[in-house]
Amino acid sequence: MYEDFKLLNTNIEKSVILMNDLEFMNNNINSKENRLHIFIKRRKLKKMSKKLENLTCIILQELNTFKKSLEK
């Protein structure tokens, strides 16, 4: 379970970096090159958010299982 938390934390950090990059590029959207990078980073961010969602679900399931085992 620790590895799941570690992976979740890493993915959150990556998502924050991607969001910061996107914000910067959105402020400088004039060039075609930036538009392409924005498109690519948005796709990456969507994938990262899906990974985060899946990892969060896995961790919650493991926590619920652990909680049930403690109740017995």
C-alpha atoms as a PDB file:
ATOM      1  CA  MET A   1       0.000   0.000   0.000  1.00  0.00           C
ATOM      2  CA  TYR A   2       2.929   2.324   0.687  1.00  0.00           C
ATOM      3  CA  GLU A   3       3.997   1.912  -2.939  1.00  0.00           C
ATOM      4  CA  ASP A   4       0.517   2.983  -4.065  1.00  0.00           C
ATOM      5  CA  PHE A   5       0.735   6.135  -1.957  1.00  0.00           C
ATOM      6  CA  LYS A   6       4.211   6.829  -3.276  1.00  0.00           C
ATOM      7  CA  LEU A   7       3.015   6.405  -6.860  1.00  0.00           C
ATOM      8  CA  LEU A   8      -0.008   8.612  -6.170  1.00  0.00           C
ATOM      9  CA  ASN A   9       2.236  11.331  -4.755  1.00  0.00           C
ATOM     10  CA  THR A  10       4.566  11.144  -7.759  1.00  0.00           C
ATOM     11  CA  ASN A  11       1.653  11.395 -10.172  1.00  0.00           C
ATOM     12  CA  ILE A  12       0.188  14.349  -8.291  1.00  0.00           C
ATOM     13  CA  GLU A  13       3.538  16.139  -8.507  1.00  0.00           C
ATOM     14  CA  LYS A  14       3.727  15.455 -12.244  1.00  0.00           C
ATOM     15  CA  SER A  15       0.185  16.767 -12.699  1.00  0.00           C
ATOM     16  CA  VAL A  16       0.994  19.968 -10.846  1.00  0.00           C
ATOM     17  CA  ILE A  17       4.042  20.528 -13.049  1.00  0.00           C
ATOM     18  CA  LEU A  18       1.945  19.929 -16.165  1.00  0.00           C
ATOM     19  CA  MET A  19      -0.736  22.351 -14.968  1.00  0.00           C
ATOM     20  CA  ASN A  20       1.867  25.024 -14.280  1.00  0.00           C
ATOM     21  CA  ASP A  21       3.336  24.522 -17.745  1.00  0.00           C
ATOM     22  CA  LEU A  22      -0.120  24.787 -19.282  1.00  0.00           C
ATOM     23  CA  GLU A  23      -0.876  27.975 -17.422  1.00  0.00           C
ATOM     24  CA  PHE A  24       2.368  29.522 -18.620  1.00  0.00           C
ATOM     25  CA  MET A  25       1.738  28.463 -22.210  1.00  0.00           C
ATOM     26  CA  ASN A  26      -1.853  29.661 -22.151  1.00  0.00           C
ATOM     27  CA  ASN A  27      -0.537  33.080 -21.240  1.00  0.00           C
ATOM     28  CA  ASN A  28       1.804  32.918 -24.251  1.00  0.00           C
ATOM     29  CA  ILE A  29      -0.490  31.229 -26.764  1.00  0.00           C
ATOM     30  CA  ASN A  30       0.482  33.397 -29.739  1.00  0.00           C
ATOM     31  CA  SER A  31       2.874  31.020 -31.431  1.00  0.00           C
ATOM     32  CA  LYS A  32       1.829  27.842 -33.249  1.00  0.00           C
ATOM     33  CA  GLU A  33       4.555  25.968 -31.400  1.00  0.00           C
ATOM     34  CA  ASN A  34       2.983  26.846 -28.058  1.00  0.00           C
ATOM     35  CA  ARG A  35      -0.425  25.729 -29.304  1.00  0.00           C
ATOM     36  CA  LEU A  36       0.991  22.331 -30.180  1.00  0.00           C
ATOM     37  CA  HIS A  37       2.700  22.018 -26.787  1.00  0.00           C
ATOM     38  CA  ILE A  38      -0.511  23.046 -25.052  1.00  0.00           C
ATOM     39  CA  PHE A  39      -2.439  20.380 -26.943  1.00  0.00           C
ATOM     40  CA  ILE A  40       0.127  17.718 -26.026  1.00  0.00           C
ATOM     41  CA  LYS A  41       0.280  18.758 -22.366  1.00  0.00           C
ATOM     42  CA  ARG A  42      -3.509  18.763 -22.083  1.00  0.00           C
ATOM     43  CA  ARG A  43      -3.571  15.193 -23.356  1.00  0.00           C
ATOM     44  CA  LYS A  44      -0.888  14.222 -20.846  1.00  0.00           C
ATOM     45  CA  LEU A  45      -2.825  15.928 -18.084  1.00  0.00           C
ATOM     46  CA  LYS A  46      -5.987  14.014 -18.982  1.00  0.00           C
ATOM     47  CA  LYS A  47      -4.057  10.745 -18.856  1.00  0.00           C
ATOM     48  CA  MET A  48      -2.458  11.708 -15.547  1.00  0.00           C
ATOM     49  CA  SER A  49      -5.797  12.620 -14.017  1.00  0.00           C
ATOM     50  CA  LYS A  50      -7.194   9.239 -15.069  1.00  0.00           C
ATOM     51  CA  LYS A  51      -4.188   7.497 -13.486  1.00  0.00           C
ATOM     52  CA  LEU A  52      -4.679   9.512 -10.300  1.00  0.00           C
ATOM     53  CA  GLU A  53      -8.337   8.605 -10.197  1.00  0.00           C
ATOM     54  CA  ASN A  54      -7.555   4.908 -10.631  1.00  0.00           C
ATOM     55  CA  LEU A  55      -4.813   4.971  -7.995  1.00  0.00           C
ATOM     56  CA  THR A  56      -7.087   6.763  -5.559  1.00  0.00           C
ATOM     57  CA  CYS A  57      -9.749   4.100  -6.056  1.00  0.00           C
ATOM     58  CA  ILE A  58      -7.218   1.330  -5.454  1.00  0.00           C
ATOM     59  CA  ILE A  59      -5.958   2.982  -2.272  1.00  0.00           C
ATOM     60  CA  LEU A  60      -9.497   3.523  -0.983  1.00  0.00           C
ATOM     61  CA  GLN A  61     -10.345  -0.122  -1.638  1.00  0.00           C
ATOM     62  CA  GLU A  62      -7.239  -1.253   0.215  1.00  0.00           C
ATOM     63  CA  LEU A  63      -8.021   1.062   3.124  1.00  0.00           C
ATOM     64  CA  ASN A  64     -11.581  -0.255   3.313  1.00  0.00           C
ATOM     65  CA  THR A  65     -10.313  -3.828   3.260  1.00  0.00           C
ATOM     66  CA  PHE A  66      -7.827  -3.010   5.995  1.00  0.00           C
ATOM     67  CA  LYS A  67     -10.521  -1.299   8.069  1.00  0.00           C
ATOM     68  CA  LYS A  68     -12.817  -4.327   7.747  1.00  0.00           C
ATOM     69  CA  SER A  69     -10.014  -6.649   8.800  1.00  0.00           C
ATOM     70  CA  LEU A  70      -9.438  -4.530  11.914  1.00  0.00           C
ATOM     71  CA  GLU A  71     -13.119  -4.638  12.819  1.00  0.00           C
ATOM     72  CA  LYS A  72     -13.119  -8.456  12.938  1.00  0.00           C
END
